[in-house]
Structures are given as C-alpha cells and as structure tokens.
Amino acid sequence: MFSATWPKEIQNMCKDYLNNPIRVNIGSLELSANSDITQEFIFCERQERVSLLVDLLKKNPVRKTLIFVATKMGADILARQFVENNIHQSLPFATLHGDKIQSHRNNIMEDFKSDKLLLVIATDVASRGLDVKDIDLVINYDLPETIEPYIHRIGRTARAGKKGQSLSFFLSRKLCSNQRLKRDPQKSGTSYTSGTRHKALTFFPTNQHTQKK
C-alpha cells in the first residue's frame, strides 16, 4: 500500500486490509513547510481582500497561480468578482470544487497543466494529489484553521526541485485563533522580514535573506 500521507483514516485502512505490514517512510514524518517556498502573509480586513488580490493578479498576469478558498460558494463568488474586474482577459481561469463532475475536474486540470488555464480557484479538493509541477504561486484567500491543510496547500508549488511562493491573507479578527499557524513557517528553517503595506510579513528560506523591494 502506497500513500503520500499517513492520516488516521489510512492507518485504519492498513489495519483492515494488511496482515502485520512493515512500514517504510521516505523523508521526515514531521509536518513542515517546504524550504523552497517563500511564504508571504498579508494581514488585512475581510473587505480589503478582493481589491488586494485583484491588484496582485493584474501586476503578475503570466504566473501560474492556484487560489484556495474555504467553500464551493466562495469559489464561485470570487470567480464572478474576477470577471467583473476583467481578470479573465489576461489570466484564463476556472473553478475547481466538489460540485463539478469528475470528468469536468479532469478537463480543468489538463488545461491547467497545458497552460490553457493560468489560474484555478479551488477548495481543498485540490490540496492533495494535484500533480502540476510548474505552479508559481499558491494563494490562501481563505486561510485554513489548522496547520495540516495549510502545509498541503502550499505544497502544490515548489515541486520537482523548483522554487515557489505562497501568499496567505490573514484576517485581523482571526489572528488569535491561528497562533500555531503563525509560528509554523519558521519550522521549515526560515527567517523573515516585515513590510509596511497592510502589515505584510514574508518568510524566506534560510539561503535567501534579501528583503523584497
């Protein structure tokens, strides 16, 4: 039995189907962020997120980007806001969530891999098992409540030996409830520099200490 992760559900399945199995682990069992990912956090109010995100995407129109949201409805709402702001003219995009049939999801992923799509708005249905090796940027529009989905989400970039970047919107009202999430980027051996606009906080791998201009 092969599995990319080892949650309790997989452990229980292993007990049900295998007899005295030997477990072989490749890499560390400790959950930590990939040190090849530059992690950036923007602390803002909820009503600021759309304008900040639209501004970011318009300034970086050729980057392959994966945006995570919390709900299927949230994905569709954000997609409508992108259309209203003409994002689709420079960044062809689609939404990916559980309401779409599997064949449609497969088509979206094939278009994403072949660069017919440069942006996908997704729920956590895309946080694991997504094999697209050239995603430049992962954005957490809705930040998850716990560290595990955060690590799996940003792990969609910096694959196959490449560098990557993640950007997460930290809503001011949720700062106290995400203390562990705030501390975790440093577990991957990172240092950080702080910015000024919207209280931006950037985490760099230890071999990158140059502050962004």
C-alpha atoms as a PDB file:
ATOM      1  CA  MET A   1       0.000   0.000   0.000  1.00  0.00           C
ATOM      2  CA  PHE A   2       1.378   3.382  -1.033  1.00  0.00           C
ATOM      3  CA  SER A   3       0.189   6.697   0.406  1.00  0.00           C
ATOM      4  CA  ALA A   4       1.578  10.234   0.165  1.00  0.00           C
ATOM      5  CA  THR A   5       0.320  10.949   3.679  1.00  0.00           C
ATOM      6  CA  TRP A   6      -0.357   8.887   6.794  1.00  0.00           C
ATOM      7  CA  PRO A   7      -3.557  10.149   8.458  1.00  0.00           C
ATOM      8  CA  LYS A   8      -5.614   8.018  10.848  1.00  0.00           C
ATOM      9  CA  GLU A   9      -8.012   7.022   8.052  1.00  0.00           C
ATOM     10  CA  ILE A  10      -5.166   5.468   6.045  1.00  0.00           C
ATOM     11  CA  GLN A  11      -3.738   3.820   9.146  1.00  0.00           C
ATOM     12  CA  ASN A  12      -7.107   2.199   9.886  1.00  0.00           C
ATOM     13  CA  MET A  13      -7.421   1.039   6.267  1.00  0.00           C
ATOM     14  CA  CYS A  14      -3.972  -0.509   6.519  1.00  0.00           C
ATOM     15  CA  LYS A  15      -5.024  -2.449   9.619  1.00  0.00           C
ATOM     16  CA  ASP A  16      -8.175  -3.682   7.870  1.00  0.00           C
ATOM     17  CA  TYR A  17      -6.527  -4.964   4.678  1.00  0.00           C
ATOM     18  CA  LEU A  18      -2.943  -5.871   5.596  1.00  0.00           C
ATOM     19  CA  ASN A  19      -1.555  -8.538   7.899  1.00  0.00           C
ATOM     20  CA  ASN A  20       1.455  -7.479  10.015  1.00  0.00           C
ATOM     21  CA  PRO A  21       2.686  -4.912   7.479  1.00  0.00           C
ATOM     22  CA  ILE A  22       6.121  -3.290   7.570  1.00  0.00           C
ATOM     23  CA  ARG A  23       6.002   0.478   7.224  1.00  0.00           C
ATOM     24  CA  VAL A  24       8.684   2.227   5.150  1.00  0.00           C
ATOM     25  CA  ASN A  25       8.850   6.022   5.365  1.00  0.00           C
ATOM     26  CA  ILE A  26      10.586   8.211   2.796  1.00  0.00           C
ATOM     27  CA  GLY A  27      11.554  11.575   4.264  1.00  0.00           C
ATOM     28  CA  SER A  28      10.611  13.077   7.601  1.00  0.00           C
ATOM     29  CA  LEU A  29       7.354  12.242   9.356  1.00  0.00           C
ATOM     30  CA  GLU A  30       7.237  15.715  10.848  1.00  0.00           C
ATOM     31  CA  LEU A  31       4.802  18.007   9.077  1.00  0.00           C
ATOM     32  CA  SER A  32       6.668  21.115   7.946  1.00  0.00           C
ATOM     33  CA  ALA A  33       6.707  23.538   5.056  1.00  0.00           C
ATOM     34  CA  ASN A  34       8.952  23.003   2.047  1.00  0.00           C
ATOM     35  CA  SER A  35      12.002  25.254   2.487  1.00  0.00           C
ATOM     36  CA  ASP A  36      11.933  26.040  -1.260  1.00  0.00           C
ATOM     37  CA  ILE A  37       8.710  28.003  -0.765  1.00  0.00           C
ATOM     38  CA  THR A  38       8.844  31.709   0.048  1.00  0.00           C
ATOM     39  CA  GLN A  39       5.844  32.304   2.304  1.00  0.00           C
ATOM     40  CA  GLU A  40       4.198  35.697   2.492  1.00  0.00           C
ATOM     41  CA  PHE A  41       1.324  36.752   4.748  1.00  0.00           C
ATOM     42  CA  ILE A  42      -0.805  39.849   4.355  1.00  0.00           C
ATOM     43  CA  PHE A  43      -2.717  40.966   7.439  1.00  0.00           C
ATOM     44  CA  CYS A  44      -5.865  42.786   6.358  1.00  0.00           C
ATOM     45  CA  GLU A  45      -9.593  43.207   6.859  1.00  0.00           C
ATOM     46  CA  ARG A  46     -12.068  40.950   5.049  1.00  0.00           C
ATOM     47  CA  GLN A  47     -13.345  43.743   2.814  1.00  0.00           C
ATOM     48  CA  GLU A  48      -9.814  44.503   1.593  1.00  0.00           C
ATOM     49  CA  ARG A  49      -9.031  41.062   0.218  1.00  0.00           C
ATOM     50  CA  VAL A  50     -10.656  41.279  -3.204  1.00  0.00           C
ATOM     51  CA  SER A  51      -9.025  44.584  -4.149  1.00  0.00           C
ATOM     52  CA  LEU A  52      -5.636  43.418  -2.865  1.00  0.00           C
ATOM     53  CA  LEU A  53      -5.891  40.141  -4.750  1.00  0.00           C
ATOM     54  CA  VAL A  54      -7.088  41.738  -7.992  1.00  0.00           C
ATOM     55  CA  ASP A  55      -4.245  44.246  -7.808  1.00  0.00           C
ATOM     56  CA  LEU A  56      -1.724  41.449  -7.270  1.00  0.00           C
ATOM     57  CA  LEU A  57      -3.007  39.382 -10.208  1.00  0.00           C
ATOM     58  CA  LYS A  58      -3.065  42.348 -12.584  1.00  0.00           C
ATOM     59  CA  LYS A  59       0.576  43.057 -11.748  1.00  0.00           C
ATOM     60  CA  ASN A  60       1.588  39.407 -12.265  1.00  0.00           C
ATOM     61  CA  PRO A  61      -0.516  38.245 -15.239  1.00  0.00           C
ATOM     62  CA  VAL A  62       1.749  35.474 -16.543  1.00  0.00           C
ATOM     63  CA  ARG A  63       2.281  33.464 -13.369  1.00  0.00           C
ATOM     64  CA  LYS A  64       0.559  30.109 -12.987  1.00  0.00           C
ATOM     65  CA  THR A  65      -1.496  30.529  -9.830  1.00  0.00           C
ATOM     66  CA  LEU A  66      -3.627  28.303  -7.601  1.00  0.00           C
ATOM     67  CA  ILE A  67      -6.026  30.068  -5.225  1.00  0.00           C
ATOM     68  CA  PHE A  68      -7.591  28.223  -2.297  1.00  0.00           C
ATOM     69  CA  VAL A  69     -10.933  29.199  -0.789  1.00  0.00           C
ATOM     70  CA  ALA A  70     -12.922  27.635   2.028  1.00  0.00           C
ATOM     71  CA  THR A  71     -16.179  26.775   0.258  1.00  0.00           C
ATOM     72  CA  LYS A  72     -17.672  25.974  -3.147  1.00  0.00           C
ATOM     73  CA  MET A  73     -19.837  29.071  -2.913  1.00  0.00           C
ATOM     74  CA  GLY A  74     -16.773  31.138  -2.081  1.00  0.00           C
ATOM     75  CA  ALA A  75     -15.027  29.855  -5.221  1.00  0.00           C
ATOM     76  CA  ASP A  76     -17.971  30.854  -7.426  1.00  0.00           C
ATOM     77  CA  ILE A  77     -18.307  34.282  -5.783  1.00  0.00           C
ATOM     78  CA  LEU A  78     -14.606  35.012  -6.233  1.00  0.00           C
ATOM     79  CA  ALA A  79     -14.829  33.896  -9.877  1.00  0.00           C
ATOM     80  CA  ARG A  80     -17.641  36.406 -10.503  1.00  0.00           C
ATOM     81  CA  GLN A  81     -15.578  39.145  -8.895  1.00  0.00           C
ATOM     82  CA  PHE A  82     -12.657  38.273 -11.167  1.00  0.00           C
ATOM     83  CA  VAL A  83     -14.893  38.554 -14.233  1.00  0.00           C
ATOM     84  CA  GLU A  84     -16.186  41.931 -13.034  1.00  0.00           C
ATOM     85  CA  ASN A  85     -12.553  43.087 -12.737  1.00  0.00           C
ATOM     86  CA  ASN A  86     -11.573  41.643 -16.149  1.00  0.00           C
ATOM     87  CA  ILE A  87      -9.033  39.222 -14.691  1.00  0.00           C
ATOM     88  CA  HIS A  88     -10.089  36.600 -17.239  1.00  0.00           C
ATOM     89  CA  GLN A  89      -8.761  38.733 -20.093  1.00  0.00           C
ATOM     90  CA  SER A  90      -5.142  38.258 -19.009  1.00  0.00           C
ATOM     91  CA  LEU A  91      -5.479  35.163 -16.815  1.00  0.00           C
ATOM     92  CA  PRO A  92      -7.810  32.467 -18.185  1.00  0.00           C
ATOM     93  CA  PHE A  93      -9.198  30.693 -15.126  1.00  0.00           C
ATOM     94  CA  ALA A  94     -11.652  28.128 -13.831  1.00  0.00           C
ATOM     95  CA  THR A  95     -13.086  26.987 -10.510  1.00  0.00           C
ATOM     96  CA  LEU A  96     -12.458  23.522  -9.083  1.00  0.00           C
ATOM     97  CA  HIS A  97     -14.639  22.081  -6.330  1.00  0.00           C
ATOM     98  CA  GLY A  98     -16.773  19.137  -5.303  1.00  0.00           C
ATOM     99  CA  ASP A  99     -19.886  20.196  -7.224  1.00  0.00           C
ATOM    100  CA  LYS A 100     -18.142  19.591 -10.542  1.00  0.00           C
ATOM    101  CA  ILE A 101     -18.282  16.088 -12.013  1.00  0.00           C
ATOM    102  CA  GLN A 102     -15.015  14.188 -12.180  1.00  0.00           C
ATOM    103  CA  SER A 103     -14.663  14.463 -15.962  1.00  0.00           C
ATOM    104  CA  HIS A 104     -15.012  18.249 -15.712  1.00  0.00           C
ATOM    105  CA  ARG A 105     -12.395  18.361 -12.960  1.00  0.00           C
ATOM    106  CA  ASN A 106     -10.049  16.267 -15.089  1.00  0.00           C
ATOM    107  CA  ASN A 107     -10.508  18.626 -18.037  1.00  0.00           C
ATOM    108  CA  ILE A 108      -9.734  21.632 -15.844  1.00  0.00           C
ATOM    109  CA  MET A 109      -6.547  20.013 -14.566  1.00  0.00           C
ATOM    110  CA  GLU A 110      -5.407  19.073 -18.066  1.00  0.00           C
ATOM    111  CA  ASP A 111      -5.982  22.658 -19.216  1.00  0.00           C
ATOM    112  CA  PHE A 112      -4.076  23.911 -16.167  1.00  0.00           C
ATOM    113  CA  LYS A 113      -1.135  21.618 -16.917  1.00  0.00           C
ATOM    114  CA  SER A 114      -1.038  22.660 -20.585  1.00  0.00           C
ATOM    115  CA  ASP A 115      -1.265  26.405 -19.758  1.00  0.00           C
ATOM    116  CA  LYS A 116      -4.668  26.838 -21.385  1.00  0.00           C
ATOM    117  CA  LEU A 117      -5.611  27.953 -17.889  1.00  0.00           C
ATOM    118  CA  LEU A 118      -3.201  30.075 -15.849  1.00  0.00           C
ATOM    119  CA  LEU A 119      -5.301  30.316 -12.710  1.00  0.00           C
ATOM    120  CA  VAL A 120      -7.528  27.908 -10.802  1.00  0.00           C
ATOM    121  CA  ILE A 121      -9.750  28.811  -7.839  1.00  0.00           C
ATOM    122  CA  ALA A 122     -10.158  25.673  -5.739  1.00  0.00           C
ATOM    123  CA  THR A 123     -11.397  24.266  -2.479  1.00  0.00           C
ATOM    124  CA  ASP A 124      -9.319  21.701  -0.593  1.00  0.00           C
ATOM    125  CA  VAL A 125     -10.321  19.113  -3.191  1.00  0.00           C
ATOM    126  CA  ALA A 126      -7.106  20.272  -4.931  1.00  0.00           C
ATOM    127  CA  SER A 127      -4.829  20.440  -1.883  1.00  0.00           C
ATOM    128  CA  ARG A 128      -3.621  16.813  -2.147  1.00  0.00           C
ATOM    129  CA  GLY A 129      -2.679  14.617  -5.046  1.00  0.00           C
ATOM    130  CA  LEU A 130      -2.557  17.519  -7.501  1.00  0.00           C
ATOM    131  CA  ASP A 131       0.372  16.849  -9.839  1.00  0.00           C
ATOM    132  CA  VAL A 132       1.097  20.127 -11.623  1.00  0.00           C
ATOM    133  CA  LYS A 133       4.826  20.737 -11.485  1.00  0.00           C
ATOM    134  CA  ASP A 134       5.027  24.373 -12.613  1.00  0.00           C
ATOM    135  CA  ILE A 135       2.667  26.256 -10.292  1.00  0.00           C
ATOM    136  CA  ASP A 136       4.439  29.514  -9.455  1.00  0.00           C
ATOM    137  CA  LEU A 137       2.179  30.846  -6.734  1.00  0.00           C
ATOM    138  CA  VAL A 138      -0.303  29.416  -4.230  1.00  0.00           C
ATOM    139  CA  ILE A 139      -2.690  31.897  -2.614  1.00  0.00           C
ATOM    140  CA  ASN A 140      -4.706  31.178   0.511  1.00  0.00           C
ATOM    141  CA  TYR A 141      -7.612  33.554   0.008  1.00  0.00           C
ATOM    142  CA  ASP A 142      -9.291  31.793   2.926  1.00  0.00           C
ATOM    143  CA  LEU A 143      -6.671  30.651   5.396  1.00  0.00           C
ATOM    144  CA  PRO A 144      -7.331  27.180   6.880  1.00  0.00           C
ATOM    145  CA  GLU A 145      -7.870  26.846  10.621  1.00  0.00           C
ATOM    146  CA  THR A 146      -5.151  24.249  11.194  1.00  0.00           C
ATOM    147  CA  ILE A 147      -1.601  23.727  10.014  1.00  0.00           C
ATOM    148  CA  GLU A 148      -2.001  20.437   8.111  1.00  0.00           C
ATOM    149  CA  PRO A 149      -4.194  21.753   5.256  1.00  0.00           C
ATOM    150  CA  TYR A 150      -2.003  24.852   5.064  1.00  0.00           C
ATOM    151  CA  ILE A 151       1.125  22.735   4.511  1.00  0.00           C
ATOM    152  CA  HIS A 152      -0.622  20.576   1.899  1.00  0.00           C
ATOM    153  CA  ARG A 153      -1.981  23.627   0.079  1.00  0.00           C
ATOM    154  CA  ILE A 154       1.290  25.497  -0.275  1.00  0.00           C
ATOM    155  CA  GLY A 155       2.966  22.204  -1.183  1.00  0.00           C
ATOM    156  CA  ARG A 156       1.354  22.476  -4.626  1.00  0.00           C
ATOM    157  CA  THR A 157       4.190  24.840  -5.552  1.00  0.00           C
ATOM    158  CA  ALA A 158       7.984  24.303  -5.439  1.00  0.00           C
ATOM    159  CA  ARG A 159       7.639  20.806  -6.879  1.00  0.00           C
ATOM    160  CA  ALA A 160      10.207  18.767  -8.810  1.00  0.00           C
ATOM    161  CA  GLY A 161      13.109  20.753  -7.372  1.00  0.00           C
ATOM    162  CA  LYS A 162      11.729  24.179  -8.304  1.00  0.00           C
ATOM    163  CA  LYS A 163      11.276  27.269  -6.137  1.00  0.00           C
ATOM    164  CA  GLY A 164       7.797  28.546  -5.342  1.00  0.00           C
ATOM    165  CA  GLN A 165       5.866  31.200  -3.488  1.00  0.00           C
ATOM    166  CA  SER A 166       2.778  31.273  -1.302  1.00  0.00           C
ATOM    167  CA  LEU A 167       0.660  34.221  -0.231  1.00  0.00           C
ATOM    168  CA  SER A 168      -1.906  33.999   2.556  1.00  0.00           C
ATOM    169  CA  PHE A 169      -4.462  36.549   3.662  1.00  0.00           C
ATOM    170  CA  PHE A 170      -4.605  36.757   7.452  1.00  0.00           C
ATOM    171  CA  LEU A 171      -7.830  38.396   8.577  1.00  0.00           C
ATOM    172  CA  SER A 172      -7.313  40.623  11.607  1.00  0.00           C
ATOM    173  CA  ARG A 173     -10.198  39.079  13.551  1.00  0.00           C
ATOM    174  CA  LYS A 174      -8.659  35.587  13.225  1.00  0.00           C
ATOM    175  CA  LEU A 175      -5.153  36.382  14.467  1.00  0.00           C
ATOM    176  CA  CYS A 176      -5.696  34.994  17.947  1.00  0.00           C
ATOM    177  CA  SER A 177      -7.168  31.706  16.699  1.00  0.00           C
ATOM    178  CA  ASN A 178      -4.233  30.980  14.360  1.00  0.00           C
ATOM    179  CA  GLN A 179      -1.237  31.258  16.670  1.00  0.00           C
ATOM    180  CA  ARG A 180       0.122  27.846  15.688  1.00  0.00           C
ATOM    181  CA  LEU A 181      -0.264  28.644  12.012  1.00  0.00           C
ATOM    182  CA  LYS A 182       1.615  31.901  12.530  1.00  0.00           C
ATOM    183  CA  ARG A 183       4.544  30.096  14.144  1.00  0.00           C
ATOM    184  CA  ASP A 184       4.847  27.170  11.763  1.00  0.00           C
ATOM    185  CA  PRO A 185       6.614  28.762   8.757  1.00  0.00           C
ATOM    186  CA  GLN A 186       9.721  29.089  10.915  1.00  0.00           C
ATOM    187  CA  LYS A 187       9.753  25.294  11.432  1.00  0.00           C
ATOM    188  CA  SER A 188      10.941  24.881   7.865  1.00  0.00           C
ATOM    189  CA  GLY A 189      14.158  26.732   8.634  1.00  0.00           C
ATOM    190  CA  THR A 190      13.075  30.199   7.554  1.00  0.00           C
ATOM    191  CA  SER A 191      13.859  33.729   8.546  1.00  0.00           C
ATOM    192  CA  TYR A 192      11.535  36.656   7.964  1.00  0.00           C
ATOM    193  CA  THR A 193      11.399  40.323   7.115  1.00  0.00           C
ATOM    194  CA  SER A 194       8.432  42.569   7.755  1.00  0.00           C
ATOM    195  CA  GLY A 195       6.911  45.028   5.348  1.00  0.00           C
ATOM    196  CA  THR A 196       4.695  48.028   5.900  1.00  0.00           C
ATOM    197  CA  ARG A 197       1.777  47.878   3.489  1.00  0.00           C
ATOM    198  CA  HIS A 198      -1.113  46.002   5.068  1.00  0.00           C
ATOM    199  CA  LYS A 199       1.314  44.577   7.638  1.00  0.00           C
ATOM    200  CA  ALA A 200       2.922  42.198   5.150  1.00  0.00           C
ATOM    201  CA  LEU A 201       5.114  39.508   6.678  1.00  0.00           C
ATOM    202  CA  THR A 202       7.366  37.481   4.413  1.00  0.00           C
ATOM    203  CA  PHE A 203       9.175  34.250   5.245  1.00  0.00           C
ATOM    204  CA  PHE A 204      12.229  33.331   3.185  1.00  0.00           C
ATOM    205  CA  PRO A 205      14.215  30.073   3.049  1.00  0.00           C
ATOM    206  CA  THR A 206      17.425  30.384   5.043  1.00  0.00           C
ATOM    207  CA  ASN A 207      19.528  30.767   1.909  1.00  0.00           C
ATOM    208  CA  GLN A 208      17.549  33.847   0.848  1.00  0.00           C
ATOM    209  CA  HIS A 209      17.996  36.822   3.143  1.00  0.00           C
ATOM    210  CA  THR A 210      17.409  39.627   0.684  1.00  0.00           C
ATOM    211  CA  GLN A 211      14.462  41.798   1.610  1.00  0.00           C
ATOM    212  CA  LYS A 212      11.923  42.410  -1.101  1.00  0.00           C
ATOM    213  CA  LYS A 213      11.789  45.923  -2.520  1.00  0.00           C
END
